[in-house]
C-alpha atoms as a PDB file:
ATOM      1  CA  MET A   1     -47.557 124.007   3.621  1.00  0.00           C
ATOM      2  CA  ALA A   2     -47.649 121.385   6.192  1.00  0.00           C
ATOM      3  CA  GLY A   3     -50.930 120.958   8.199  1.00  0.00           C
ATOM      4  CA  ASP A   4     -54.577 120.134   7.807  1.00  0.00           C
ATOM      5  CA  VAL A   5     -55.898 123.126   5.850  1.00  0.00           C
ATOM      6  CA  ASN A   6     -59.520 122.843   5.213  1.00  0.00           C
ATOM      7  CA  LYS A   7     -60.161 122.446   1.473  1.00  0.00           C
ATOM      8  CA  ILE A   8     -63.648 121.911   0.016  1.00  0.00           C
ATOM      9  CA  GLN A   9     -63.446 118.964  -2.203  1.00  0.00           C
ATOM     10  CA  GLU A  10     -66.872 118.703  -3.801  1.00  0.00           C
ATOM     11  CA  VAL A  11     -68.023 121.613  -5.884  1.00  0.00           C
ATOM     12  CA  ARG A  12     -71.758 122.229  -5.416  1.00  0.00           C
ATOM     13  CA  ASN A  13     -74.140 124.451  -7.620  1.00  0.00           C
ATOM     14  CA  TYR A  14     -74.146 127.229  -4.895  1.00  0.00           C
ATOM     15  CA  ASP A  15     -70.375 127.583  -4.841  1.00  0.00           C
ATOM     16  CA  GLN A  16     -70.518 130.017  -7.767  1.00  0.00           C
ATOM     17  CA  LEU A  17     -69.988 132.863  -5.414  1.00  0.00           C
ATOM     18  CA  GLU A  18     -66.643 133.109  -3.581  1.00  0.00           C
ATOM     19  CA  TYR A  19     -65.190 135.423  -1.013  1.00  0.00           C
ATOM     20  CA  SER A  20     -61.575 136.055  -0.230  1.00  0.00           C
ATOM     21  CA  ALA A  21     -60.636 137.334   3.265  1.00  0.00           C
ATOM     22  CA  GLY A  22     -57.570 138.134   5.214  1.00  0.00           C
ATOM     23  CA  SER A  23     -55.468 140.402   3.084  1.00  0.00           C
ATOM     24  CA  LEU A  24     -57.977 142.895   1.574  1.00  0.00           C
ATOM     25  CA  GLY A  25     -57.456 146.571   1.190  1.00  0.00           C
ATOM     26  CA  GLY A  26     -57.680 149.569  -0.988  1.00  0.00           C
ATOM     27  CA  ALA A  27     -60.536 152.068  -1.750  1.00  0.00           C
ATOM     28  CA  MET A  28     -62.522 151.202  -4.846  1.00  0.00           C
ATOM     29  CA  ARG A  29     -66.154 151.239  -6.150  1.00  0.00           C
ATOM     30  CA  PRO A  30     -67.948 148.121  -4.789  1.00  0.00           C
ATOM     31  CA  PRO A  31     -67.804 145.368  -7.500  1.00  0.00           C
ATOM     32  CA  VAL A  32     -71.229 144.133  -6.513  1.00  0.00           C
ATOM     33  CA  SER A  33     -74.312 146.222  -5.489  1.00  0.00           C
ATOM     34  CA  GLU A  34     -77.002 144.916  -3.165  1.00  0.00           C
ATOM     35  CA  LYS A  35     -80.663 145.819  -2.488  1.00  0.00           C
ATOM     36  CA  ALA A  36     -83.502 144.253  -0.422  1.00  0.00           C
ATOM     37  CA  PHE A  37     -86.404 142.703  -2.391  1.00  0.00           C
ATOM     38  CA  ASP A  38     -89.390 141.252  -0.537  1.00  0.00           C
ATOM     39  CA  GLU A  39     -87.908 138.712   1.880  1.00  0.00           C
ATOM     40  CA  TYR A  40     -84.726 138.340  -0.239  1.00  0.00           C
ATOM     41  CA  HIS A  41     -81.732 140.325  -1.481  1.00  0.00           C
ATOM     42  CA  LEU A  42     -80.654 141.074  -5.036  1.00  0.00           C
ATOM     43  CA  TYR A  43     -77.087 141.329  -6.068  1.00  0.00           C
ATOM     44  CA  THR A  44     -75.938 143.026  -9.281  1.00  0.00           C
ATOM     45  CA  LEU A  45     -72.452 143.005 -10.839  1.00  0.00           C
ATOM     46  CA  ASP A  46     -71.095 146.358 -11.558  1.00  0.00           C
ATOM     47  CA  ARG A  47     -69.801 145.336 -15.043  1.00  0.00           C
ATOM     48  CA  PRO A  48     -70.702 142.635 -17.525  1.00  0.00           C
ATOM     49  CA  THR A  49     -69.136 139.247 -17.329  1.00  0.00           C
ATOM     50  CA  THR A  50     -68.971 136.205 -19.704  1.00  0.00           C
ATOM     51  CA  LEU A  51     -69.419 132.519 -18.667  1.00  0.00           C
ATOM     52  CA  LEU A  52     -68.349 129.812 -21.115  1.00  0.00           C
ATOM     53  CA  ASP A  53     -70.207 126.468 -21.337  1.00  0.00           C
ATOM     54  CA  ARG A  54     -69.673 124.503 -18.009  1.00  0.00           C
ATOM     55  CA  GLU A  55     -67.344 127.292 -16.774  1.00  0.00           C
ATOM     56  CA  THR A  56     -67.281 128.476 -13.133  1.00  0.00           C
ATOM     57  CA  LYS A  57     -65.866 132.058 -12.753  1.00  0.00           C
ATOM     58  CA  GLN A  58     -64.812 133.675  -9.448  1.00  0.00           C
ATOM     59  CA  VAL A  59     -66.019 137.235  -9.123  1.00  0.00           C
ATOM     60  CA  GLU A  60     -64.841 139.607  -6.480  1.00  0.00           C
ATOM     61  CA  PHE A  61     -67.930 140.291  -4.246  1.00  0.00           C
ATOM     62  CA  VAL A  62     -66.653 142.644  -1.535  1.00  0.00           C
ATOM     63  CA  ARG A  63     -63.369 144.357  -0.613  1.00  0.00           C
ATOM     64  CA  ALA A  64     -62.590 145.668   2.758  1.00  0.00           C
ATOM     65  CA  SER A  65     -59.639 146.452   4.963  1.00  0.00           C
ATOM     66  CA  GLY A  66     -59.138 146.414   8.726  1.00  0.00           C
ATOM     67  CA  VAL A  67     -61.648 143.549   9.267  1.00  0.00           C
ATOM     68  CA  LYS A  68     -61.110 142.061  12.696  1.00  0.00           C
ATOM     69  CA  SER A  69     -61.327 138.244  12.644  1.00  0.00           C
ATOM     70  CA  ALA A  70     -60.688 136.311  15.895  1.00  0.00           C
ATOM     71  CA  PRO A  71     -59.250 132.762  15.791  1.00  0.00           C
ATOM     72  CA  LEU A  72     -61.046 130.199  17.921  1.00  0.00           C
ATOM     73  CA  TYR A  73     -59.543 126.766  18.858  1.00  0.00           C
ATOM     74  CA  ILE A  74     -62.150 124.062  19.606  1.00  0.00           C
ATOM     75  CA  TYR A  75     -61.512 120.535  20.742  1.00  0.00           C
ATOM     76  CA  ASP A  76     -64.552 118.130  20.190  1.00  0.00           C
ATOM     77  CA  GLY A  77     -62.758 115.014  21.356  1.00  0.00           C
ATOM     78  CA  VAL A  78     -65.417 112.424  20.860  1.00  0.00           C
ATOM     79  CA  LYS A  79     -64.981 110.366  17.692  1.00  0.00           C
ATOM     80  CA  ILE A  80     -68.248 108.761  16.555  1.00  0.00           C
ATOM     81  CA  ASP A  81     -68.677 106.559  13.365  1.00  0.00           C
ATOM     82  CA  ARG A  82     -71.772 108.042  11.974  1.00  0.00           C
ATOM     83  CA  ASN A  83     -72.233 105.114   9.608  1.00  0.00           C
ATOM     84  CA  ARG A  84     -71.989 102.463  12.357  1.00  0.00           C
ATOM     85  CA  TYR A  85     -74.394 104.262  14.818  1.00  0.00           C
ATOM     86  CA  ASN A  86     -76.787 105.809  12.323  1.00  0.00           C
ATOM     87  CA  GLY A  87     -80.325 105.530  13.591  1.00  0.00           C
ATOM     88  CA  TRP A  88     -79.306 104.454  17.088  1.00  0.00           C
ATOM     89  CA  SER A  89     -81.872 105.419  19.962  1.00  0.00           C
ATOM     90  CA  TYR A  90     -80.904 106.556  23.564  1.00  0.00           C
ATOM     91  CA  GLU A  91     -81.680 102.976  24.687  1.00  0.00           C
ATOM     92  CA  ASN A  92     -79.172 101.504  22.144  1.00  0.00           C
ATOM     93  CA  ILE A  93     -76.660 104.087  23.190  1.00  0.00           C
ATOM     94  CA  ARG A  94     -77.088 103.359  26.966  1.00  0.00           C
ATOM     95  CA  GLN A  95     -76.722  99.624  26.442  1.00  0.00           C
ATOM     96  CA  ASN A  96     -73.423  99.987  24.522  1.00  0.00           C
ATOM     97  CA  ARG A  97     -70.721 100.788  27.120  1.00  0.00           C
ATOM     98  CA  ASP A  98     -68.104 101.593  24.464  1.00  0.00           C
ATOM     99  CA  TYR A  99     -70.211 104.181  22.647  1.00  0.00           C
ATOM    100  CA  GLY A 100     -68.319 107.617  22.494  1.00  0.00           C
ATOM    101  CA  THR A 101     -65.020 106.255  23.934  1.00  0.00           C
ATOM    102  CA  GLU A 102     -62.930 106.648  20.801  1.00  0.00           C
ATOM    103  CA  SER A 103     -60.737 109.914  20.757  1.00  0.00           C
ATOM    104  CA  ASN A 104     -60.276 112.425  18.076  1.00  0.00           C
ATOM    105  CA  PRO A 105     -56.854 114.118  18.429  1.00  0.00           C
ATOM    106  CA  LYS A 106     -57.614 117.133  16.218  1.00  0.00           C
ATOM    107  CA  VAL A 107     -58.139 120.664  17.449  1.00  0.00           C
ATOM    108  CA  TRP A 108     -60.234 122.634  15.119  1.00  0.00           C
ATOM    109  CA  VAL A 109     -59.299 126.191  13.958  1.00  0.00           C
ATOM    110  CA  MET A 110     -62.305 128.414  13.447  1.00  0.00           C
ATOM    111  CA  ARG A 111     -62.400 132.172  12.252  1.00  0.00           C
ATOM    112  CA  GLU A 112     -65.088 134.467  13.613  1.00  0.00           C
ATOM    113  CA  PHE A 113     -65.954 137.909  12.691  1.00  0.00           C
ATOM    114  CA  ALA A 114     -68.805 140.455  12.957  1.00  0.00           C
ATOM    115  CA  ASN A 115     -70.523 141.463   9.646  1.00  0.00           C
ATOM    116  CA  SER A 116     -71.010 144.911  10.769  1.00  0.00           C
ATOM    117  CA  GLU A 117     -70.243 148.402   9.563  1.00  0.00           C
ATOM    118  CA  ALA A 118     -68.050 148.875  12.621  1.00  0.00           C
ATOM    119  CA  ASN A 119     -65.974 145.958  11.355  1.00  0.00           C
ATOM    120  CA  HIS A 120     -65.819 147.455   7.820  1.00  0.00           C
ATOM    121  CA  LEU A 121     -68.402 145.092   6.474  1.00  0.00           C
ATOM    122  CA  GLY A 122     -72.177 145.324   7.181  1.00  0.00           C
ATOM    123  CA  LEU A 123     -73.293 143.823   3.879  1.00  0.00           C
ATOM    124  CA  PRO A 124     -75.921 140.915   3.646  1.00  0.00           C
ATOM    125  CA  LEU A 125     -73.683 137.988   2.518  1.00  0.00           C
ATOM    126  CA  PRO A 126     -75.308 135.344   0.316  1.00  0.00           C
ATOM    127  CA  LYS A 127     -74.548 131.636   0.611  1.00  0.00           C
ATOM    128  CA  GLY A 128     -71.145 130.730  -0.888  1.00  0.00           C
ATOM    129  CA  ARG A 129     -67.637 129.716  -0.391  1.00  0.00           C
ATOM    130  CA  MET A 130     -65.194 131.889   1.751  1.00  0.00           C
ATOM    131  CA  ARG A 131     -61.474 131.626   1.396  1.00  0.00           C
ATOM    132  CA  PHE A 132     -58.805 132.884   3.901  1.00  0.00           C
ATOM    133  CA  TYR A 133     -55.357 134.155   3.069  1.00  0.00           C
ATOM    134  CA  ARG A 134     -52.598 135.565   5.183  1.00  0.00           C
ATOM    135  CA  ARG A 135     -49.317 137.201   4.460  1.00  0.00           C
ATOM    136  CA  ASP A 136     -46.207 135.275   5.786  1.00  0.00           C
ATOM    137  CA  ALA A 137     -42.941 136.837   7.115  1.00  0.00           C
ATOM    138  CA  ASP A 138     -41.661 137.333   3.453  1.00  0.00           C
ATOM    139  CA  GLY A 139     -44.844 139.147   2.487  1.00  0.00           C
ATOM    140  CA  ARG A 140     -46.328 136.280   0.246  1.00  0.00           C
ATOM    141  CA  LEU A 141     -49.901 135.636   0.453  1.00  0.00           C
ATOM    142  CA  GLU A 142     -50.627 132.075   1.722  1.00  0.00           C
ATOM    143  CA  PHE A 143     -53.944 130.187   1.613  1.00  0.00           C
ATOM    144  CA  THR A 144     -54.969 129.170   5.151  1.00  0.00           C
ATOM    145  CA  GLY A 145     -58.344 127.529   4.716  1.00  0.00           C
ATOM    146  CA  GLU A 146     -61.784 127.819   3.168  1.00  0.00           C
ATOM    147  CA  ASP A 147     -65.400 126.940   4.142  1.00  0.00           C
ATOM    148  CA  THR A 148     -68.909 127.622   2.954  1.00  0.00           C
ATOM    149  CA  ILE A 149     -71.185 130.105   4.750  1.00  0.00           C
ATOM    150  CA  ASP A 150     -74.938 130.284   4.899  1.00  0.00           C
ATOM    151  CA  HIS A 151     -76.958 133.366   3.952  1.00  0.00           C
ATOM    152  CA  SER A 152     -75.770 135.833   6.629  1.00  0.00           C
ATOM    153  CA  PRO A 153     -77.610 139.056   7.446  1.00  0.00           C
ATOM    154  CA  ARG A 154     -75.773 142.184   8.497  1.00  0.00           C
ATOM    155  CA  ASP A 155     -74.757 142.733  12.022  1.00  0.00           C
ATOM    156  CA  GLU A 156     -74.603 138.954  12.623  1.00  0.00           C
ATOM    157  CA  THR A 157     -71.520 136.987  13.733  1.00  0.00           C
ATOM    158  CA  VAL A 158     -70.040 134.708  10.961  1.00  0.00           C
ATOM    159  CA  ARG A 159     -67.999 131.600  12.077  1.00  0.00           C
ATOM    160  CA  VAL A 160     -66.137 129.358   9.603  1.00  0.00           C
ATOM    161  CA  PHE A 161     -63.938 126.249   9.919  1.00  0.00           C
ATOM    162  CA  THR A 162     -60.525 126.718   8.299  1.00  0.00           C
ATOM    163  CA  GLY A 163     -58.594 123.488   9.317  1.00  0.00           C
ATOM    164  CA  ASN A 164     -56.975 121.647  12.136  1.00  0.00           C
ATOM    165  CA  ALA A 165     -54.282 123.224  14.346  1.00  0.00           C
ATOM    166  CA  PHE A 166     -50.787 121.765  13.719  1.00  0.00           C
ATOM    167  CA  ASP A 167     -49.286 122.537  17.140  1.00  0.00           C
ATOM    168  CA  LEU A 168     -52.238 121.708  19.316  1.00  0.00           C
ATOM    169  CA  VAL A 169     -53.212 118.183  20.245  1.00  0.00           C
ATOM    170  CA  GLY A 170     -56.113 116.764  22.263  1.00  0.00           C
ATOM    171  CA  GLU A 171     -56.565 113.406  23.890  1.00  0.00           C
ATOM    172  CA  ARG A 172     -59.757 112.156  25.459  1.00  0.00           C
ATOM    173  CA  ARG A 173     -60.294 108.904  27.413  1.00  0.00           C
ATOM    174  CA  ARG A 174     -62.898 107.461  29.701  1.00  0.00           C
ATOM    175  CA  THR A 175     -61.452 106.930  33.306  1.00  0.00           C
ATOM    176  CA  ASP A 176     -64.559 105.277  34.959  1.00  0.00           C
ATOM    177  CA  PHE A 177     -67.871 103.717  34.082  1.00  0.00           C
ATOM    178  CA  GLN A 178     -70.668 102.378  36.281  1.00  0.00           C
ATOM    179  CA  GLU A 179     -74.287 101.406  35.411  1.00  0.00           C
ATOM    180  CA  ASN A 180     -77.360  99.911  37.086  1.00  0.00           C
ATOM    181  CA  GLN A 181     -79.954  99.176  34.528  1.00  0.00           C
ATOM    182  CA  THR A 182     -82.374  97.955  37.200  1.00  0.00           C
ATOM    183  CA  GLN A 183     -82.208 101.206  39.191  1.00  0.00           C
ATOM    184  CA  ARG A 184     -81.918 103.093  35.860  1.00  0.00           C
ATOM    185  CA  TRP A 185     -78.680 105.093  36.429  1.00  0.00           C
ATOM    186  CA  MET A 186     -75.243 105.450  34.895  1.00  0.00           C
ATOM    187  CA  ASP A 187     -72.040 107.156  35.916  1.00  0.00           C
ATOM    188  CA  GLU A 188     -69.193 108.086  33.483  1.00  0.00           C
ATOM    189  CA  SER A 189     -65.911 110.060  34.070  1.00  0.00           C
ATOM    190  CA  PHE A 190     -63.703 111.448  31.387  1.00  0.00           C
ATOM    191  CA  GLU A 191     -60.190 112.985  31.179  1.00  0.00           C
ATOM    192  CA  ILE A 192     -59.276 115.372  28.452  1.00  0.00           C
ATOM    193  CA  LYS A 193     -55.597 116.341  27.883  1.00  0.00           C
ATOM    194  CA  LEU A 194     -54.599 119.299  25.870  1.00  0.00           C
ATOM    195  CA  ARG A 195     -51.008 119.938  24.651  1.00  0.00           C
ATOM    196  CA  ASN A 196     -49.838 123.267  23.338  1.00  0.00           C
ATOM    197  CA  HIS A 197     -46.622 123.087  21.212  1.00  0.00           C
ATOM    198  CA  LYS A 198     -46.856 126.730  20.107  1.00  0.00           C
ATOM    199  CA  ALA A 199     -44.633 129.649  21.269  1.00  0.00           C
ATOM    200  CA  GLU A 200     -47.638 131.533  22.753  1.00  0.00           C
ATOM    201  CA  PRO A 201     -50.532 130.679  25.173  1.00  0.00           C
ATOM    202  CA  VAL A 202     -53.889 129.734  23.657  1.00  0.00           C
ATOM    203  CA  GLU A 203     -57.442 129.342  24.857  1.00  0.00           C
ATOM    204  CA  ILE A 204     -59.080 126.060  23.830  1.00  0.00           C
ATOM    205  CA  CYS A 205     -62.799 125.436  23.965  1.00  0.00           C
ATOM    206  CA  VAL A 206     -63.405 121.838  24.999  1.00  0.00           C
ATOM    207  CA  VAL A 207     -66.843 120.665  23.822  1.00  0.00           C
ATOM    208  CA  GLU A 208     -68.369 117.590  25.532  1.00  0.00           C
ATOM    209  CA  HIS A 209     -71.685 115.912  24.435  1.00  0.00           C
ATOM    210  CA  LEU A 210     -73.690 114.235  27.085  1.00  0.00           C
ATOM    211  CA  TYR A 211     -75.264 111.714  24.736  1.00  0.00           C
ATOM    212  CA  ARG A 212     -76.386 108.924  27.103  1.00  0.00           C
ATOM    213  CA  TRP A 213     -79.607 110.634  28.163  1.00  0.00           C
ATOM    214  CA  ASN A 214     -81.148 114.153  28.483  1.00  0.00           C
ATOM    215  CA  ASN A 215     -81.424 113.889  32.365  1.00  0.00           C
ATOM    216  CA  TRP A 216     -77.872 114.402  33.659  1.00  0.00           C
ATOM    217  CA  GLU A 217     -75.848 116.072  36.382  1.00  0.00           C
ATOM    218  CA  ILE A 218     -72.123 116.914  36.509  1.00  0.00           C
ATOM    219  CA  THR A 219     -71.061 115.562  39.866  1.00  0.00           C
ATOM    220  CA  ARG A 220     -67.374 116.352  39.672  1.00  0.00           C
ATOM    221  CA  LYS A 221     -65.347 118.772  37.500  1.00  0.00           C
ATOM    222  CA  SER A 222     -61.822 120.135  37.354  1.00  0.00           C
ATOM    223  CA  ASP A 223     -62.789 123.390  35.566  1.00  0.00           C
ATOM    224  CA  THR A 224     -65.879 125.587  35.231  1.00  0.00           C
ATOM    225  CA  TYR A 225     -68.182 124.722  32.430  1.00  0.00           C
ATOM    226  CA  LEU A 226     -70.880 126.453  30.364  1.00  0.00           C
ATOM    227  CA  LYS A 227     -74.096 124.549  29.481  1.00  0.00           C
ATOM    228  CA  THR A 228     -74.648 125.415  25.785  1.00  0.00           C
ATOM    229  CA  ASP A 229     -77.786 123.281  25.187  1.00  0.00           C
ATOM    230  CA  ALA A 230     -79.721 120.428  26.753  1.00  0.00           C
ATOM    231  CA  GLN A 231     -76.905 117.874  26.131  1.00  0.00           C
ATOM    232  CA  THR A 232     -73.627 119.982  25.494  1.00  0.00           C
ATOM    233  CA  VAL A 233     -71.190 121.549  27.914  1.00  0.00           C
ATOM    234  CA  GLU A 234     -68.075 123.719  27.193  1.00  0.00           C
ATOM    235  CA  PHE A 235     -64.871 124.160  29.173  1.00  0.00           C
ATOM    236  CA  LEU A 236     -62.714 127.211  28.300  1.00  0.00           C
ATOM    237  CA  VAL A 237     -59.105 126.149  28.975  1.00  0.00           C
ATOM    238  CA  GLN A 238     -56.020 128.289  29.008  1.00  0.00           C
ATOM    239  CA  VAL A 239     -52.855 126.288  27.965  1.00  0.00           C
ATOM    240  CA  LYS A 240     -49.347 127.832  28.148  1.00  0.00           C
ATOM    241  CA  PRO A 241     -46.569 127.260  25.729  1.00  0.00           C
ATOM    242  CA  ASP A 242     -45.271 123.636  25.913  1.00  0.00           C
ATOM    243  CA  GLU A 243     -47.886 122.864  28.643  1.00  0.00           C
ATOM    244  CA  GLU A 244     -50.177 119.903  28.960  1.00  0.00           C
ATOM    245  CA  LYS A 245     -53.492 120.806  30.644  1.00  0.00           C
ATOM    246  CA  THR A 246     -55.923 118.210  31.905  1.00  0.00           C
ATOM    247  CA  VAL A 247     -59.569 118.642  32.264  1.00  0.00           C
ATOM    248  CA  SER A 248     -61.774 115.964  33.861  1.00  0.00           C
ATOM    249  CA  TYR A 249     -65.369 115.552  34.919  1.00  0.00           C
ATOM    250  CA  SER A 250     -67.942 113.016  35.984  1.00  0.00           C
ATOM    251  CA  VAL A 251     -71.498 112.843  34.847  1.00  0.00           C
ATOM    252  CA  HIS A 252     -74.496 111.055  36.507  1.00  0.00           C
ATOM    253  CA  TYR A 253     -77.439 109.946  34.195  1.00  0.00           C
ATOM    254  CA  SER A 254     -80.840 108.719  35.410  1.00  0.00           C
ATOM    255  CA  TRP A 255     -83.802 107.748  33.425  1.00  0.00           C
END
């Protein structure tokens, strides 16, 4: 299989519990029972199991059919070297005009589902590894990605990262930069290009981090955005098959 399927490389102690999702079905007695205890949840295997010395065993935790899981495409185009900029302050970031100008071309693929009875689940899910499988046109079950989830109560939404999209490409570049350290302001403009090589239209969520300072104003934009926190905005962009869509904006900082 060609593509960037998310595969967990490092095995940690909490990865003893694994889930499989995407092609589950059939009625049977639940293999694991659950009950609340104080501020925690207890899980009991329905049957005995044996673990050899230093062995990790995968045990089926839950089986369900008809679970609706929506794909999400997210483009977080800024590429930051965390090792290089570790410990930098806002002042360090403002004084480096090249900070945040490197581009990441990958569009992330996320899966999101409601852990509810209406979605054929509704069981408190403990921390562990979740794997996704999907049947191809020949009916074979193919692995499409995995991620770890945190302890997830019932009736909450679970979102996992499964890999990078093969046929979606992002490109981010800065188109203008002005600053006046004496008057304590800075202007930056960015252009984000999204290319869809799929046979169907997609919606891509473009995430932009306003990292220069927490006092900012979007002065120009090509598309409507949603402010998700004090320094993050998101653009929801519809991209047709074989189309290139451009999103642009300008931000003014003052401090």
